[in-house]
């Protein structure tokens, strides 16, 4: 099992902190199709995540994805691939604009995403 903080860090083979990369606007692809586009991205060690605007897929809601679920970033195509299905992402704890940086919310979200391999 991964250490708790690793979930909130980019995989070393996916994103090199030495490179400048703005992921806002990139399309996000679940293992079974597109889920939306990046609305916000953070790059802090141990606190990195994406906020994805799902548009019509789940009626304009946003979802928060820990950086560790990202498996590939394609800067040429502006695509981000994540190791979760649409259903797994849709069933995650609801995004809370006011609490998404609070430890309790991040713990609850982390506990959810740790249940899946990958």
PDB file of N, CA and C in Angstrom:
ATOM      1  N   UNK A   1       0.843  -1.195   0.000  1.00  0.00           N
ATOM      2  CA  UNK A   1       0.000   0.000   0.000  1.00  0.00           C
ATOM      3  C   UNK A   1       0.879   1.246   0.000  1.00  0.00           C
ATOM      4  N   UNK A   2       0.460   2.232  -0.788  1.00  0.00           N
ATOM      5  CA  UNK A   2       1.222   3.467  -0.879  1.00  0.00           C
ATOM      6  C   UNK A   2       1.123   4.263   0.415  1.00  0.00           C
ATOM      7  N   UNK A   3       2.173   5.013   0.699  1.00  0.00           N
ATOM      8  CA  UNK A   3       2.141   5.912   1.847  1.00  0.00           C
ATOM      9  C   UNK A   3       1.096   6.986   1.590  1.00  0.00           C
ATOM     10  N   UNK A   4       0.446   7.507   2.633  1.00  0.00           N
ATOM     11  CA  UNK A   4      -0.633   8.477   2.451  1.00  0.00           C
ATOM     12  C   UNK A   4      -0.252   9.689   1.607  1.00  0.00           C
ATOM     13  N   UNK A   5       0.926  10.247   1.795  1.00  0.00           N
ATOM     14  CA  UNK A   5       1.289  11.453   1.075  1.00  0.00           C
ATOM     15  C   UNK A   5       1.587  11.173  -0.397  1.00  0.00           C
ATOM     16  N   UNK A   6       2.005   9.959  -0.739  1.00  0.00           N
ATOM     17  CA  UNK A   6       2.327   9.650  -2.124  1.00  0.00           C
ATOM     18  C   UNK A   6       1.136   9.855  -3.046  1.00  0.00           C
ATOM     19  N   UNK A   7      -0.071   9.660  -2.547  1.00  0.00           N
ATOM     20  CA  UNK A   7      -1.272   9.835  -3.349  1.00  0.00           C
ATOM     21  C   UNK A   7      -1.357  11.268  -3.876  1.00  0.00           C
ATOM     22  N   UNK A   8      -0.791  12.185  -3.152  1.00  0.00           N
ATOM     23  CA  UNK A   8      -0.873  13.612  -3.492  1.00  0.00           C
ATOM     24  C   UNK A   8       0.397  14.107  -4.176  1.00  0.00           C
ATOM     25  N   UNK A   9       1.198  13.204  -4.729  1.00  0.00           N
ATOM     26  CA  UNK A   9       2.395  13.555  -5.493  1.00  0.00           C
ATOM     27  C   UNK A   9       2.289  12.964  -6.890  1.00  0.00           C
ATOM     28  N   UNK A  10       2.850  13.667  -7.865  1.00  0.00           N
ATOM     29  CA  UNK A  10       2.913  13.133  -9.220  1.00  0.00           C
ATOM     30  C   UNK A  10       3.897  11.965  -9.254  1.00  0.00           C
ATOM     31  N   UNK A  11       3.592  10.963 -10.053  1.00  0.00           N
ATOM     32  CA  UNK A  11       4.518   9.854 -10.253  1.00  0.00           C
ATOM     33  C   UNK A  11       5.759  10.405 -10.949  1.00  0.00           C
ATOM     34  N   UNK A  12       6.953   9.977 -10.537  1.00  0.00           N
ATOM     35  CA  UNK A  12       8.183  10.511 -11.132  1.00  0.00           C
ATOM     36  C   UNK A  12       8.300  10.271 -12.634  1.00  0.00           C
ATOM     37  N   UNK A  13       7.688   9.196 -13.127  1.00  0.00           N
ATOM     38  CA  UNK A  13       7.760   8.925 -14.568  1.00  0.00           C
ATOM     39  C   UNK A  13       6.693   9.675 -15.371  1.00  0.00           C
ATOM     40  N   UNK A  14       5.837  10.449 -14.675  1.00  0.00           N
ATOM     41  CA  UNK A  14       4.764  11.179 -15.337  1.00  0.00           C
ATOM     42  C   UNK A  14       5.058  12.677 -15.415  1.00  0.00           C
ATOM     43  N   UNK A  15       5.573  13.229 -14.334  1.00  0.00           N
ATOM     44  CA  UNK A  15       5.802  14.672 -14.280  1.00  0.00           C
ATOM     45  C   UNK A  15       7.084  14.967 -13.535  1.00  0.00           C
ATOM     46  N   UNK A  16       7.979  15.671 -14.190  1.00  0.00           N
ATOM     47  CA  UNK A  16       9.245  16.078 -13.596  1.00  0.00           C
ATOM     48  C   UNK A  16       9.085  17.499 -13.065  1.00  0.00           C
ATOM     49  N   UNK A  17       9.243  17.664 -11.760  1.00  0.00           N
ATOM     50  CA  UNK A  17       9.048  18.988 -11.163  1.00  0.00           C
ATOM     51  C   UNK A  17       9.985  20.055 -11.731  1.00  0.00           C
ATOM     52  N   UNK A  18      11.064  19.625 -12.380  1.00  0.00           N
ATOM     53  CA  UNK A  18      11.998  20.572 -12.959  1.00  0.00           C
ATOM     54  C   UNK A  18      11.480  21.227 -14.235  1.00  0.00           C
ATOM     55  N   UNK A  19      10.406  20.681 -14.792  1.00  0.00           N
ATOM     56  CA  UNK A  19       9.866  21.252 -16.023  1.00  0.00           C
ATOM     57  C   UNK A  19       8.634  22.097 -15.713  1.00  0.00           C
ATOM     58  N   UNK A  20       8.490  23.192 -16.436  1.00  0.00           N
ATOM     59  CA  UNK A  20       7.309  24.040 -16.267  1.00  0.00           C
ATOM     60  C   UNK A  20       6.206  23.478 -17.155  1.00  0.00           C
ATOM     61  N   UNK A  21       5.083  23.164 -16.561  1.00  0.00           N
ATOM     62  CA  UNK A  21       3.972  22.597 -17.311  1.00  0.00           C
ATOM     63  C   UNK A  21       2.668  23.071 -16.682  1.00  0.00           C
ATOM     64  N   UNK A  22       1.873  23.802 -17.443  1.00  0.00           N
ATOM     65  CA  UNK A  22       0.581  24.274 -16.967  1.00  0.00           C
ATOM     66  C   UNK A  22      -0.479  23.335 -17.530  1.00  0.00           C
ATOM     67  N   UNK A  23      -1.122  22.573 -16.651  1.00  0.00           N
ATOM     68  CA  UNK A  23      -2.069  21.547 -17.086  1.00  0.00           C
ATOM     69  C   UNK A  23      -3.494  22.075 -17.262  1.00  0.00           C
ATOM     70  N   UNK A  24      -3.756  23.320 -16.911  1.00  0.00           N
ATOM     71  CA  UNK A  24      -5.099  23.883 -17.042  1.00  0.00           C
ATOM     72  C   UNK A  24      -5.523  23.839 -18.506  1.00  0.00           C
ATOM     73  N   UNK A  25      -6.725  23.325 -18.732  1.00  0.00           N
ATOM     74  CA  UNK A  25      -7.254  23.202 -20.084  1.00  0.00           C
ATOM     75  C   UNK A  25      -6.999  21.861 -20.736  1.00  0.00           C
ATOM     76  N   UNK A  26      -6.106  21.057 -20.176  1.00  0.00           N
ATOM     77  CA  UNK A  26      -5.848  19.726 -20.727  1.00  0.00           C
ATOM     78  C   UNK A  26      -7.108  18.862 -20.601  1.00  0.00           C
ATOM     79  N   UNK A  27      -7.294  17.944 -21.550  1.00  0.00           N
ATOM     80  CA  UNK A  27      -8.404  16.998 -21.500  1.00  0.00           C
ATOM     81  C   UNK A  27      -8.001  15.828 -20.600  1.00  0.00           C
ATOM     82  N   UNK A  28      -8.938  15.359 -19.787  1.00  0.00           N
ATOM     83  CA  UNK A  28      -8.654  14.258 -18.870  1.00  0.00           C
ATOM     84  C   UNK A  28      -9.376  13.010 -19.358  1.00  0.00           C
ATOM     85  N   UNK A  29      -8.585  11.940 -19.505  1.00  0.00           N
ATOM     86  CA  UNK A  29      -9.089  10.674 -20.011  1.00  0.00           C
ATOM     87  C   UNK A  29      -9.055   9.615 -18.914  1.00  0.00           C
ATOM     88  N   UNK A  30     -10.223   9.088 -18.557  1.00  0.00           N
ATOM     89  CA  UNK A  30     -10.289   7.934 -17.654  1.00  0.00           C
ATOM     90  C   UNK A  30      -9.904   6.710 -18.482  1.00  0.00           C
ATOM     91  N   UNK A  31      -9.824   5.555 -17.852  1.00  0.00           N
ATOM     92  CA  UNK A  31      -9.458   4.344 -18.589  1.00  0.00           C
ATOM     93  C   UNK A  31     -10.510   3.987 -19.641  1.00  0.00           C
ATOM     94  N   UNK A  32     -11.729   4.524 -19.483  1.00  0.00           N
ATOM     95  CA  UNK A  32     -12.811   4.200 -20.422  1.00  0.00           C
ATOM     96  C   UNK A  32     -13.397   5.437 -21.105  1.00  0.00           C
ATOM     97  N   UNK A  33     -12.621   6.503 -21.224  1.00  0.00           N
ATOM     98  CA  UNK A  33     -13.084   7.655 -21.990  1.00  0.00           C
ATOM     99  C   UNK A  33     -12.873   8.991 -21.297  1.00  0.00           C
ATOM    100  N   UNK A  34     -13.158  10.050 -22.047  1.00  0.00           N
ATOM    101  CA  UNK A  34     -12.951  11.410 -21.563  1.00  0.00           C
ATOM    102  C   UNK A  34     -13.921  11.764 -20.432  1.00  0.00           C
ATOM    103  N   UNK A  35     -13.385  12.443 -19.407  1.00  0.00           N
ATOM    104  CA  UNK A  35     -14.250  12.863 -18.298  1.00  0.00           C
ATOM    105  C   UNK A  35     -14.374  14.372 -18.185  1.00  0.00           C
ATOM    106  N   UNK A  36     -13.513  15.122 -18.856  1.00  0.00           N
ATOM    107  CA  UNK A  36     -13.600  16.572 -18.770  1.00  0.00           C
ATOM    108  C   UNK A  36     -12.265  17.224 -19.012  1.00  0.00           C
ATOM    109  N   UNK A  37     -12.129  18.461 -18.515  1.00  0.00           N
ATOM    110  CA  UNK A  37     -10.875  19.182 -18.697  1.00  0.00           C
ATOM    111  C   UNK A  37     -10.425  19.800 -17.384  1.00  0.00           C
ATOM    112  N   UNK A  38      -9.127  20.023 -17.283  1.00  0.00           N
ATOM    113  CA  UNK A  38      -8.535  20.534 -16.047  1.00  0.00           C
ATOM    114  C   UNK A  38      -8.922  21.995 -15.841  1.00  0.00           C
ATOM    115  N   UNK A  39      -9.495  22.269 -14.692  1.00  0.00           N
ATOM    116  CA  UNK A  39      -9.893  23.610 -14.298  1.00  0.00           C
ATOM    117  C   UNK A  39      -8.803  24.261 -13.445  1.00  0.00           C
ATOM    118  N   UNK A  40      -8.133  23.409 -12.650  1.00  0.00           N
ATOM    119  CA  UNK A  40      -7.063  23.882 -11.766  1.00  0.00           C
ATOM    120  C   UNK A  40      -6.103  22.723 -11.524  1.00  0.00           C
ATOM    121  N   UNK A  41      -4.818  23.046 -11.399  1.00  0.00           N
ATOM    122  CA  UNK A  41      -3.811  22.030 -11.092  1.00  0.00           C
ATOM    123  C   UNK A  41      -2.849  22.599 -10.069  1.00  0.00           C
ATOM    124  N   UNK A  42      -2.439  21.756  -9.125  1.00  0.00           N
ATOM    125  CA  UNK A  42      -1.457  22.191  -8.136  1.00  0.00           C
ATOM    126  C   UNK A  42      -0.221  21.313  -8.267  1.00  0.00           C
ATOM    127  N   UNK A  43       0.898  21.844  -7.816  1.00  0.00           N
ATOM    128  CA  UNK A  43       2.177  21.169  -8.024  1.00  0.00           C
ATOM    129  C   UNK A  43       3.018  21.087  -6.752  1.00  0.00           C
ATOM    130  N   UNK A  44       2.420  21.315  -5.591  1.00  0.00           N
ATOM    131  CA  UNK A  44       3.165  21.283  -4.330  1.00  0.00           C
ATOM    132  C   UNK A  44       3.465  19.847  -3.917  1.00  0.00           C
ATOM    133  N   UNK A  45       4.658  19.630  -3.409  1.00  0.00           N
ATOM    134  CA  UNK A  45       5.049  18.308  -2.936  1.00  0.00           C
ATOM    135  C   UNK A  45       4.073  17.858  -1.847  1.00  0.00           C
ATOM    136  N   UNK A  46       3.525  16.667  -2.015  1.00  0.00           N
ATOM    137  CA  UNK A  46       2.617  16.098  -1.024  1.00  0.00           C
ATOM    138  C   UNK A  46       1.225  16.693  -1.010  1.00  0.00           C
ATOM    139  N   UNK A  47       0.925  17.633  -1.909  1.00  0.00           N
ATOM    140  CA  UNK A  47      -0.395  18.263  -1.936  1.00  0.00           C
ATOM    141  C   UNK A  47      -0.880  18.519  -3.358  1.00  0.00           C
ATOM    142  N   UNK A  48      -0.438  17.733  -4.313  1.00  0.00           N
ATOM    143  CA  UNK A  48      -0.764  17.977  -5.715  1.00  0.00           C
ATOM    144  C   UNK A  48      -2.050  17.270  -6.125  1.00  0.00           C
ATOM    145  N   UNK A  49      -2.853  17.991  -6.906  1.00  0.00           N
ATOM    146  CA  UNK A  49      -4.105  17.427  -7.397  1.00  0.00           C
ATOM    147  C   UNK A  49      -4.574  18.195  -8.616  1.00  0.00           C
ATOM    148  N   UNK A  50      -5.582  17.636  -9.280  1.00  0.00           N
ATOM    149  CA  UNK A  50      -6.259  18.298 -10.380  1.00  0.00           C
ATOM    150  C   UNK A  50      -7.712  18.504  -9.987  1.00  0.00           C
ATOM    151  N   UNK A  51      -8.265  19.634 -10.375  1.00  0.00           N
ATOM    152  CA  UNK A  51      -9.708  19.836 -10.295  1.00  0.00           C
ATOM    153  C   UNK A  51     -10.192  19.782 -11.738  1.00  0.00           C
ATOM    154  N   UNK A  52     -11.091  18.837 -12.007  1.00  0.00           N
ATOM    155  CA  UNK A  52     -11.560  18.590 -13.370  1.00  0.00           C
ATOM    156  C   UNK A  52     -13.014  19.021 -13.490  1.00  0.00           C
ATOM    157  N   UNK A  53     -13.273  19.861 -14.486  1.00  0.00           N
ATOM    158  CA  UNK A  53     -14.632  20.262 -14.819  1.00  0.00           C
ATOM    159  C   UNK A  53     -15.187  19.197 -15.751  1.00  0.00           C
ATOM    160  N   UNK A  54     -16.212  18.490 -15.297  1.00  0.00           N
ATOM    161  CA  UNK A  54     -16.734  17.366 -16.062  1.00  0.00           C
ATOM    162  C   UNK A  54     -17.725  17.789 -17.138  1.00  0.00           C
ATOM    163  N   UNK A  55     -18.088  19.053 -17.179  1.00  0.00           N
ATOM    164  CA  UNK A  55     -19.009  19.529 -18.209  1.00  0.00           C
ATOM    165  C   UNK A  55     -20.300  18.732 -18.197  1.00  0.00           C
ATOM    166  N   UNK A  56     -20.794  18.322 -19.362  1.00  0.00           N
ATOM    167  CA  UNK A  56     -22.070  17.601 -19.407  1.00  0.00           C
ATOM    168  C   UNK A  56     -22.005  16.163 -18.900  1.00  0.00           C
ATOM    169  N   UNK A  57     -20.775  15.631 -18.736  1.00  0.00           N
ATOM    170  CA  UNK A  57     -20.669  14.228 -18.334  1.00  0.00           C
ATOM    171  C   UNK A  57     -21.371  13.956 -17.006  1.00  0.00           C
ATOM    172  N   UNK A  58     -21.098  14.741 -15.957  1.00  0.00           N
ATOM    173  CA  UNK A  58     -21.896  14.634 -14.725  1.00  0.00           C
ATOM    174  C   UNK A  58     -22.488  15.994 -14.398  1.00  0.00           C
ATOM    175  N   UNK A  59     -23.154  16.553 -15.382  1.00  0.00           N
ATOM    176  CA  UNK A  59     -23.945  17.773 -15.246  1.00  0.00           C
ATOM    177  C   UNK A  59     -23.186  18.947 -14.658  1.00  0.00           C
ATOM    178  N   UNK A  60     -22.022  19.206 -15.213  1.00  0.00           N
ATOM    179  CA  UNK A  60     -21.293  20.404 -14.843  1.00  0.00           C
ATOM    180  C   UNK A  60     -20.603  20.359 -13.495  1.00  0.00           C
ATOM    181  N   UNK A  61     -20.556  19.194 -12.876  1.00  0.00           N
ATOM    182  CA  UNK A  61     -19.872  19.095 -11.593  1.00  0.00           C
ATOM    183  C   UNK A  61     -18.364  19.054 -11.791  1.00  0.00           C
ATOM    184  N   UNK A  62     -17.659  19.312 -10.713  1.00  0.00           N
ATOM    185  CA  UNK A  62     -16.207  19.198 -10.716  1.00  0.00           C
ATOM    186  C   UNK A  62     -15.810  18.017  -9.848  1.00  0.00           C
ATOM    187  N   UNK A  63     -14.659  17.440 -10.168  1.00  0.00           N
ATOM    188  CA  UNK A  63     -14.112  16.356  -9.356  1.00  0.00           C
ATOM    189  C   UNK A  63     -12.657  16.692  -9.041  1.00  0.00           C
ATOM    190  N   UNK A  64     -12.189  16.212  -7.912  1.00  0.00           N
ATOM    191  CA  UNK A  64     -10.804  16.406  -7.514  1.00  0.00           C
ATOM    192  C   UNK A  64     -10.081  15.074  -7.645  1.00  0.00           C
ATOM    193  N   UNK A  65      -8.966  15.080  -8.352  1.00  0.00           N
ATOM    194  CA  UNK A  65      -8.184  13.859  -8.551  1.00  0.00           C
ATOM    195  C   UNK A  65      -6.801  14.030  -7.949  1.00  0.00           C
ATOM    196  N   UNK A  66      -6.405  13.145  -7.027  1.00  0.00           N
ATOM    197  CA  UNK A  66      -5.034  13.202  -6.499  1.00  0.00           C
ATOM    198  C   UNK A  66      -4.028  12.984  -7.631  1.00  0.00           C
ATOM    199  N   UNK A  67      -2.891  13.643  -7.562  1.00  0.00           N
ATOM    200  CA  UNK A  67      -1.880  13.586  -8.624  1.00  0.00           C
ATOM    201  C   UNK A  67      -1.426  12.163  -8.927  1.00  0.00           C
ATOM    202  N   UNK A  68      -1.419  11.281  -7.952  1.00  0.00           N
ATOM    203  CA  UNK A  68      -0.902   9.923  -8.127  1.00  0.00           C
ATOM    204  C   UNK A  68      -1.736   9.103  -9.119  1.00  0.00           C
ATOM    205  N   UNK A  69      -3.004   9.457  -9.338  1.00  0.00           N
ATOM    206  CA  UNK A  69      -3.828   8.666 -10.264  1.00  0.00           C
ATOM    207  C   UNK A  69      -3.486   8.974 -11.720  1.00  0.00           C
ATOM    208  N   UNK A  70      -2.682  10.002 -11.972  1.00  0.00           N
ATOM    209  CA  UNK A  70      -2.279  10.343 -13.333  1.00  0.00           C
ATOM    210  C   UNK A  70      -1.206   9.361 -13.796  1.00  0.00           C
ATOM    211  N   UNK A  71      -1.440   8.749 -14.943  1.00  0.00           N
ATOM    212  CA  UNK A  71      -0.480   7.772 -15.470  1.00  0.00           C
ATOM    213  C   UNK A  71       0.335   8.315 -16.637  1.00  0.00           C
ATOM    214  N   UNK A  72      -0.191   9.345 -17.315  1.00  0.00           N
ATOM    215  CA  UNK A  72       0.525   9.891 -18.464  1.00  0.00           C
ATOM    216  C   UNK A  72       0.041  11.309 -18.749  1.00  0.00           C
ATOM    217  N   UNK A  73       0.973  12.172 -19.122  1.00  0.00           N
ATOM    218  CA  UNK A  73       0.646  13.520 -19.574  1.00  0.00           C
ATOM    219  C   UNK A  73       1.207  13.655 -20.990  1.00  0.00           C
ATOM    220  N   UNK A  74       0.350  14.024 -21.930  1.00  0.00           N
ATOM    221  CA  UNK A  74       0.765  14.208 -23.320  1.00  0.00           C
ATOM    222  C   UNK A  74       0.662  15.694 -23.674  1.00  0.00           C
ATOM    223  N   UNK A  75       1.780  16.440 -23.556  1.00  0.00           N
ATOM    224  CA  UNK A  75       1.741  17.884 -23.813  1.00  0.00           C
ATOM    225  C   UNK A  75       1.385  18.239 -25.258  1.00  0.00           C
ATOM    226  N   UNK A  76       1.746  17.386 -26.225  1.00  0.00           N
ATOM    227  CA  UNK A  76       1.434  17.680 -27.624  1.00  0.00           C
ATOM    228  C   UNK A  76      -0.076  17.642 -27.878  1.00  0.00           C
ATOM    229  N   UNK A  77      -0.738  16.625 -27.345  1.00  0.00           N
ATOM    230  CA  UNK A  77      -2.184  16.483 -27.536  1.00  0.00           C
ATOM    231  C   UNK A  77      -2.987  17.177 -26.435  1.00  0.00           C
ATOM    232  N   UNK A  78      -2.282  17.655 -25.409  1.00  0.00           N
ATOM    233  CA  UNK A  78      -2.923  18.291 -24.235  1.00  0.00           C
ATOM    234  C   UNK A  78      -3.916  17.325 -23.567  1.00  0.00           C
ATOM    235  N   UNK A  79      -3.441  16.074 -23.382  1.00  0.00           N
ATOM    236  CA  UNK A  79      -4.232  15.037 -22.734  1.00  0.00           C
ATOM    237  C   UNK A  79      -3.550  14.580 -21.453  1.00  0.00           C
ATOM    238  N   UNK A  80      -4.379  14.237 -20.470  1.00  0.00           N
ATOM    239  CA  UNK A  80      -3.921  13.637 -19.219  1.00  0.00           C
ATOM    240  C   UNK A  80      -4.690  12.333 -19.071  1.00  0.00           C
ATOM    241  N   UNK A  81      -3.964  11.263 -18.788  1.00  0.00           N
ATOM    242  CA  UNK A  81      -4.587   9.952 -18.620  1.00  0.00           C
ATOM    243  C   UNK A  81      -4.534   9.565 -17.143  1.00  0.00           C
ATOM    244  N   UNK A  82      -5.654   9.039 -16.633  1.00  0.00           N
ATOM    245  CA  UNK A  82      -5.720   8.647 -15.225  1.00  0.00           C
ATOM    246  C   UNK A  82      -6.087   7.176 -15.100  1.00  0.00           C
ATOM    247  N   UNK A  83      -5.614   6.556 -14.026  1.00  0.00           N
ATOM    248  CA  UNK A  83      -5.813   5.121 -13.797  1.00  0.00           C
ATOM    249  C   UNK A  83      -7.101   4.844 -13.034  1.00  0.00           C
ATOM    250  N   UNK A  84      -8.182   5.439 -13.483  1.00  0.00           N
ATOM    251  CA  UNK A  84      -9.490   5.203 -12.872  1.00  0.00           C
ATOM    252  C   UNK A  84     -10.546   5.200 -13.969  1.00  0.00           C
ATOM    253  N   UNK A  85     -11.632   4.452 -13.737  1.00  0.00           N
ATOM    254  CA  UNK A  85     -12.743   4.437 -14.689  1.00  0.00           C
ATOM    255  C   UNK A  85     -13.650   5.641 -14.429  1.00  0.00           C
ATOM    256  N   UNK A  86     -14.518   5.899 -15.371  1.00  0.00           N
ATOM    257  CA  UNK A  86     -15.501   6.975 -15.189  1.00  0.00           C
ATOM    258  C   UNK A  86     -16.348   6.729 -13.940  1.00  0.00           C
ATOM    259  N   UNK A  87     -16.777   5.489 -13.758  1.00  0.00           N
ATOM    260  CA  UNK A  87     -17.623   5.155 -12.601  1.00  0.00           C
ATOM    261  C   UNK A  87     -16.884   5.392 -11.286  1.00  0.00           C
ATOM    262  N   UNK A  88     -15.607   4.993 -11.228  1.00  0.00           N
ATOM    263  CA  UNK A  88     -14.829   5.201 -10.000  1.00  0.00           C
ATOM    264  C   UNK A  88     -14.705   6.696  -9.685  1.00  0.00           C
ATOM    265  N   UNK A  89     -14.511   7.498 -10.708  1.00  0.00           N
ATOM    266  CA  UNK A  89     -14.389   8.938 -10.498  1.00  0.00           C
ATOM    267  C   UNK A  89     -15.734   9.536 -10.113  1.00  0.00           C
ATOM    268  N   UNK A  90     -16.781   9.112 -10.786  1.00  0.00           N
ATOM    269  CA  UNK A  90     -18.127   9.637 -10.501  1.00  0.00           C
ATOM    270  C   UNK A  90     -18.572   9.294  -9.080  1.00  0.00           C
ATOM    271  N   UNK A  91     -18.166   8.127  -8.577  1.00  0.00           N
ATOM    272  CA  UNK A  91     -18.578   7.682  -7.243  1.00  0.00           C
ATOM    273  C   UNK A  91     -17.705   8.229  -6.110  1.00  0.00           C
ATOM    274  N   UNK A  92     -16.681   8.987  -6.441  1.00  0.00           N
ATOM    275  CA  UNK A  92     -15.798   9.563  -5.409  1.00  0.00           C
ATOM    276  C   UNK A  92     -16.565  10.573  -4.562  1.00  0.00           C
ATOM    277  N   UNK A  93     -16.065  10.867  -3.348  1.00  0.00           N
ATOM    278  CA  UNK A  93     -16.721  11.898  -2.539  1.00  0.00           C
ATOM    279  C   UNK A  93     -16.869  13.181  -3.354  1.00  0.00           C
ATOM    280  N   UNK A  94     -18.023  13.807  -3.225  1.00  0.00           N
ATOM    281  CA  UNK A  94     -18.329  14.990  -4.011  1.00  0.00           C
ATOM    282  C   UNK A  94     -17.326  16.110  -3.772  1.00  0.00           C
ATOM    283  N   UNK A  95     -16.970  16.803  -4.849  1.00  0.00           N
ATOM    284  CA  UNK A  95     -16.035  17.923  -4.748  1.00  0.00           C
ATOM    285  C   UNK A  95     -16.684  19.032  -3.923  1.00  0.00           C
ATOM    286  N   UNK A  96     -15.924  19.567  -2.990  1.00  0.00           N
ATOM    287  CA  UNK A  96     -16.408  20.643  -2.128  1.00  0.00           C
ATOM    288  C   UNK A  96     -15.484  21.841  -2.295  1.00  0.00           C
ATOM    289  N   UNK A  97     -15.951  22.836  -3.021  1.00  0.00           N
ATOM    290  CA  UNK A  97     -15.155  24.033  -3.323  1.00  0.00           C
ATOM    291  C   UNK A  97     -14.605  24.685  -2.055  1.00  0.00           C
ATOM    292  N   UNK A  98     -15.408  24.687  -0.993  1.00  0.00           N
ATOM    293  CA  UNK A  98     -15.005  25.350   0.238  1.00  0.00           C
ATOM    294  C   UNK A  98     -14.087  24.530   1.124  1.00  0.00           C
ATOM    295  N   UNK A  99     -14.064  23.213   0.939  1.00  0.00           N
ATOM    296  CA  UNK A  99     -13.301  22.360   1.855  1.00  0.00           C
ATOM    297  C   UNK A  99     -12.236  21.521   1.174  1.00  0.00           C
ATOM    298  N   UNK A 100     -12.018  21.698  -0.130  1.00  0.00           N
ATOM    299  CA  UNK A 100     -11.124  20.776  -0.841  1.00  0.00           C
ATOM    300  C   UNK A 100      -9.674  20.864  -0.389  1.00  0.00           C
ATOM    301  N   UNK A 101      -9.313  21.896   0.346  1.00  0.00           N
ATOM    302  CA  UNK A 101      -7.939  21.972   0.853  1.00  0.00           C
ATOM    303  C   UNK A 101      -7.849  21.595   2.334  1.00  0.00           C
ATOM    304  N   UNK A 102      -8.957  21.239   2.913  1.00  0.00           N
ATOM    305  CA  UNK A 102      -9.001  20.850   4.330  1.00  0.00           C
ATOM    306  C   UNK A 102      -8.519  19.407   4.492  1.00  0.00           C
ATOM    307  N   UNK A 103      -7.748  19.139   5.559  1.00  0.00           N
ATOM    308  CA  UNK A 103      -7.225  17.776   5.770  1.00  0.00           C
ATOM    309  C   UNK A 103      -8.309  16.700   5.845  1.00  0.00           C
ATOM    310  N   UNK A 104      -9.456  16.995   6.449  1.00  0.00           N
ATOM    311  CA  UNK A 104     -10.511  15.986   6.595  1.00  0.00           C
ATOM    312  C   UNK A 104     -11.042  15.559   5.225  1.00  0.00           C
ATOM    313  N   UNK A 105     -11.254  16.528   4.355  1.00  0.00           N
ATOM    314  CA  UNK A 105     -11.759  16.213   3.016  1.00  0.00           C
ATOM    315  C   UNK A 105     -10.719  15.409   2.243  1.00  0.00           C
ATOM    316  N   UNK A 106      -9.475  15.850   2.306  1.00  0.00           N
ATOM    317  CA  UNK A 106      -8.398  15.170   1.575  1.00  0.00           C
ATOM    318  C   UNK A 106      -8.220  13.745   2.102  1.00  0.00           C
ATOM    319  N   UNK A 107      -8.369  13.542   3.393  1.00  0.00           N
ATOM    320  CA  UNK A 107      -8.266  12.195   3.967  1.00  0.00           C
ATOM    321  C   UNK A 107      -9.385  11.314   3.438  1.00  0.00           C
ATOM    322  N   UNK A 108     -10.619  11.836   3.441  1.00  0.00           N
ATOM    323  CA  UNK A 108     -11.771  11.073   2.961  1.00  0.00           C
ATOM    324  C   UNK A 108     -11.591  10.717   1.475  1.00  0.00           C
ATOM    325  N   UNK A 109     -11.158  11.676   0.684  1.00  0.00           N
ATOM    326  CA  UNK A 109     -10.932  11.437  -0.740  1.00  0.00           C
ATOM    327  C   UNK A 109      -9.779  10.444  -0.939  1.00  0.00           C
ATOM    328  N   UNK A 110      -8.712  10.611  -0.178  1.00  0.00           N
ATOM    329  CA  UNK A 110      -7.573   9.703  -0.262  1.00  0.00           C
ATOM    330  C   UNK A 110      -7.960   8.282   0.091  1.00  0.00           C
ATOM    331  N   UNK A 111      -8.763   8.115   1.151  1.00  0.00           N
ATOM    332  CA  UNK A 111      -9.223   6.783   1.539  1.00  0.00           C
ATOM    333  C   UNK A 111     -10.019   6.136   0.404  1.00  0.00           C
ATOM    334  N   UNK A 112     -10.825   6.931  -0.271  1.00  0.00           N
ATOM    335  CA  UNK A 112     -11.609   6.407  -1.391  1.00  0.00           C
ATOM    336  C   UNK A 112     -10.691   5.943  -2.524  1.00  0.00           C
ATOM    337  N   UNK A 113      -9.781   6.800  -2.967  1.00  0.00           N
ATOM    338  CA  UNK A 113      -8.938   6.465  -4.117  1.00  0.00           C
ATOM    339  C   UNK A 113      -7.928   5.364  -3.814  1.00  0.00           C
ATOM    340  N   UNK A 114      -7.544   5.183  -2.579  1.00  0.00           N
ATOM    341  CA  UNK A 114      -6.603   4.103  -2.216  1.00  0.00           C
ATOM    342  C   UNK A 114      -7.227   2.727  -2.327  1.00  0.00           C
ATOM    343  N   UNK A 115      -8.532   2.653  -2.412  1.00  0.00           N
ATOM    344  CA  UNK A 115      -9.201   1.343  -2.510  1.00  0.00           C
ATOM    345  C   UNK A 115      -8.952   0.653  -3.844  1.00  0.00           C
ATOM    346  N   UNK A 116      -8.487   1.425  -4.835  1.00  0.00           N
ATOM    347  CA  UNK A 116      -8.318   0.884  -6.185  1.00  0.00           C
ATOM    348  C   UNK A 116      -6.854   0.642  -6.483  1.00  0.00           C
ATOM    349  N   UNK A 117      -6.552  -0.404  -7.218  1.00  0.00           N
ATOM    350  CA  UNK A 117      -5.153  -0.640  -7.605  1.00  0.00           C
ATOM    351  C   UNK A 117      -4.697   0.404  -8.627  1.00  0.00           C
ATOM    352  N   UNK A 118      -3.391   0.581  -8.702  1.00  0.00           N
ATOM    353  CA  UNK A 118      -2.883   1.440  -9.752  1.00  0.00           C
ATOM    354  C   UNK A 118      -2.277   2.669  -9.233  1.00  0.00           C
TER     355      UNK A 118
END
